[in-house]
N, C-alpha and C. Protein backbone atom coordinates (compact mmCIF):
# COMPACT_ATOMS: atom_id res chain seq x y z
N MET A 1 -36.64 15.73 -6.33
CA MET A 1 -35.24 15.38 -6.43
C MET A 1 -34.41 16.66 -6.36
N ALA A 2 -33.33 16.62 -5.59
CA ALA A 2 -32.49 17.80 -5.42
C ALA A 2 -31.58 17.98 -6.62
N VAL A 3 -31.56 19.21 -7.14
CA VAL A 3 -30.71 19.55 -8.29
C VAL A 3 -29.89 20.77 -7.89
N PRO A 4 -28.58 20.77 -8.15
CA PRO A 4 -27.78 21.94 -7.79
C PRO A 4 -28.20 23.17 -8.60
N PHE A 5 -28.20 24.31 -7.93
CA PHE A 5 -28.60 25.55 -8.58
C PHE A 5 -27.59 25.99 -9.62
N ARG A 6 -26.30 25.85 -9.29
CA ARG A 6 -25.24 26.22 -10.22
C ARG A 6 -24.37 25.01 -10.53
N ARG A 7 -23.71 25.08 -11.65
CA ARG A 7 -22.80 24.01 -12.06
C ARG A 7 -21.57 24.00 -11.15
N THR A 8 -21.11 22.81 -10.76
CA THR A 8 -19.91 22.67 -9.93
C THR A 8 -18.69 22.89 -10.81
N SER A 9 -17.82 23.80 -10.38
CA SER A 9 -16.63 24.11 -11.17
C SER A 9 -15.63 22.97 -11.12
N LYS A 10 -14.67 22.97 -12.05
CA LYS A 10 -13.63 21.94 -12.08
C LYS A 10 -12.78 21.99 -10.81
N THR A 11 -12.49 23.20 -10.36
CA THR A 11 -11.66 23.35 -9.17
C THR A 11 -12.36 22.79 -7.93
N ALA A 12 -13.62 23.06 -7.78
CA ALA A 12 -14.36 22.57 -6.62
C ALA A 12 -14.44 21.05 -6.64
N LYS A 13 -14.63 20.49 -7.84
CA LYS A 13 -14.68 19.04 -8.00
C LYS A 13 -13.35 18.40 -7.62
N ARG A 14 -12.26 19.00 -8.08
CA ARG A 14 -10.94 18.45 -7.85
C ARG A 14 -10.52 18.59 -6.38
N LYS A 15 -10.95 19.68 -5.72
CA LYS A 15 -10.67 19.84 -4.30
C LYS A 15 -11.36 18.75 -3.48
N ARG A 16 -12.53 18.37 -3.89
CA ARG A 16 -13.29 17.35 -3.18
C ARG A 16 -12.67 15.97 -3.37
N ARG A 17 -12.02 15.75 -4.49
CA ARG A 17 -11.48 14.43 -4.82
C ARG A 17 -9.99 14.28 -4.53
N THR A 18 -9.38 15.21 -3.80
CA THR A 18 -7.93 15.15 -3.59
C THR A 18 -7.52 13.97 -2.72
N HIS A 19 -8.37 13.48 -1.85
CA HIS A 19 -8.00 12.38 -0.97
C HIS A 19 -8.21 11.02 -1.62
N LYS A 20 -8.76 10.96 -2.82
CA LYS A 20 -9.00 9.70 -3.50
C LYS A 20 -7.81 9.38 -4.39
N LYS A 21 -6.80 8.70 -3.81
CA LYS A 21 -5.63 8.35 -4.59
C LYS A 21 -4.99 7.11 -4.00
N LEU A 22 -4.16 6.46 -4.77
CA LEU A 22 -3.46 5.27 -4.32
C LEU A 22 -2.17 5.66 -3.62
N SER A 23 -1.78 4.84 -2.67
CA SER A 23 -0.51 5.07 -2.00
C SER A 23 0.47 3.96 -2.38
N VAL A 24 1.74 4.29 -2.37
CA VAL A 24 2.77 3.33 -2.75
C VAL A 24 3.02 2.40 -1.57
N PRO A 25 3.02 1.08 -1.79
CA PRO A 25 3.28 0.17 -0.67
C PRO A 25 4.73 0.27 -0.20
N ALA A 26 4.93 0.05 1.09
CA ALA A 26 6.27 0.14 1.68
C ALA A 26 7.02 -1.15 1.41
N ILE A 27 7.89 -1.13 0.42
CA ILE A 27 8.68 -2.30 0.06
C ILE A 27 10.13 -2.03 0.42
N THR A 28 10.74 -2.98 1.13
CA THR A 28 12.14 -2.83 1.53
C THR A 28 12.95 -4.01 1.02
N LEU A 29 14.25 -3.84 0.99
CA LEU A 29 15.16 -4.89 0.54
C LEU A 29 15.65 -5.67 1.74
N ASP A 30 15.43 -6.99 1.73
CA ASP A 30 15.89 -7.85 2.80
C ASP A 30 17.38 -8.14 2.59
N GLU A 31 18.20 -7.88 3.62
CA GLU A 31 19.65 -8.04 3.49
C GLU A 31 20.05 -9.51 3.36
N LYS A 32 19.38 -10.39 4.09
CA LYS A 32 19.77 -11.81 4.10
C LYS A 32 19.42 -12.52 2.79
N SER A 33 18.18 -12.35 2.34
CA SER A 33 17.76 -13.08 1.14
C SER A 33 17.98 -12.28 -0.14
N GLY A 34 18.05 -10.96 -0.03
CA GLY A 34 18.22 -10.12 -1.22
C GLY A 34 16.93 -9.88 -1.98
N ASN A 35 15.80 -10.28 -1.39
CA ASN A 35 14.50 -10.09 -2.03
C ASN A 35 13.85 -8.82 -1.54
N TYR A 36 12.96 -8.27 -2.34
CA TYR A 36 12.14 -7.16 -1.91
C TYR A 36 10.93 -7.71 -1.19
N VAL A 37 10.67 -7.22 0.02
CA VAL A 37 9.57 -7.72 0.84
C VAL A 37 8.73 -6.55 1.33
N MET A 38 7.45 -6.81 1.53
CA MET A 38 6.55 -5.82 2.12
C MET A 38 6.65 -5.92 3.63
N GLY A 39 6.44 -4.80 4.31
CA GLY A 39 6.52 -4.78 5.76
C GLY A 39 5.41 -5.60 6.40
N HIS A 40 5.70 -6.20 7.56
CA HIS A 40 4.75 -6.99 8.34
C HIS A 40 4.24 -8.20 7.57
N ARG A 41 5.09 -8.79 6.75
CA ARG A 41 4.74 -10.00 6.00
C ARG A 41 5.83 -11.04 6.21
N ILE A 42 5.43 -12.31 6.18
CA ILE A 42 6.39 -13.40 6.28
C ILE A 42 6.96 -13.65 4.89
N ASP A 43 8.29 -13.84 4.81
CA ASP A 43 8.93 -14.18 3.54
C ASP A 43 8.63 -15.64 3.25
N LYS A 44 7.93 -15.92 2.16
CA LYS A 44 7.49 -17.27 1.85
C LYS A 44 8.63 -18.18 1.45
N LYS A 45 9.69 -17.62 0.87
CA LYS A 45 10.81 -18.45 0.43
C LYS A 45 11.66 -18.94 1.60
N THR A 46 11.88 -18.06 2.58
CA THR A 46 12.75 -18.43 3.70
C THR A 46 11.97 -18.73 4.97
N GLY A 47 10.73 -18.24 5.10
CA GLY A 47 9.94 -18.45 6.32
C GLY A 47 10.38 -17.57 7.47
N MET A 48 11.03 -16.46 7.17
CA MET A 48 11.55 -15.57 8.20
C MET A 48 10.61 -14.38 8.40
N TYR A 49 10.55 -13.90 9.66
CA TYR A 49 9.80 -12.69 10.00
C TYR A 49 10.58 -11.97 11.08
N LYS A 50 11.00 -10.77 10.81
CA LYS A 50 11.80 -9.95 11.74
C LYS A 50 13.06 -10.67 12.20
N GLY A 51 13.70 -11.40 11.30
CA GLY A 51 14.94 -12.07 11.62
C GLY A 51 14.79 -13.38 12.37
N LYS A 52 13.54 -13.85 12.55
CA LYS A 52 13.30 -15.10 13.25
C LYS A 52 12.65 -16.11 12.31
N GLN A 53 12.97 -17.38 12.49
CA GLN A 53 12.38 -18.45 11.69
C GLN A 53 10.97 -18.72 12.21
N VAL A 54 9.96 -18.49 11.37
CA VAL A 54 8.57 -18.64 11.79
C VAL A 54 7.94 -19.86 11.12
N LEU A 55 8.24 -20.08 9.84
CA LEU A 55 7.69 -21.21 9.09
C LEU A 55 8.78 -22.20 8.74
N ASP A 56 8.41 -23.47 8.73
CA ASP A 56 9.33 -24.51 8.26
C ASP A 56 9.13 -24.67 6.76
N VAL A 57 10.09 -24.22 5.97
CA VAL A 57 10.01 -24.30 4.52
C VAL A 57 10.72 -25.56 4.06
N LYS A 58 10.04 -26.35 3.28
CA LYS A 58 10.62 -27.62 2.80
C LYS A 58 11.24 -27.46 1.44
């Protein structure tokens, strides 16, 4: 079994893990409904997508 010869320093560990993080989702305010919506999603309350009626909401 492979064992490292020297102990990995905190700095080396943290440099390796810099890309492991969460990103903030892109949320915008819809002018027509006044709701916050995520990009590339259909608004479930109104059925609108990019200003066009896509779903028939009852």
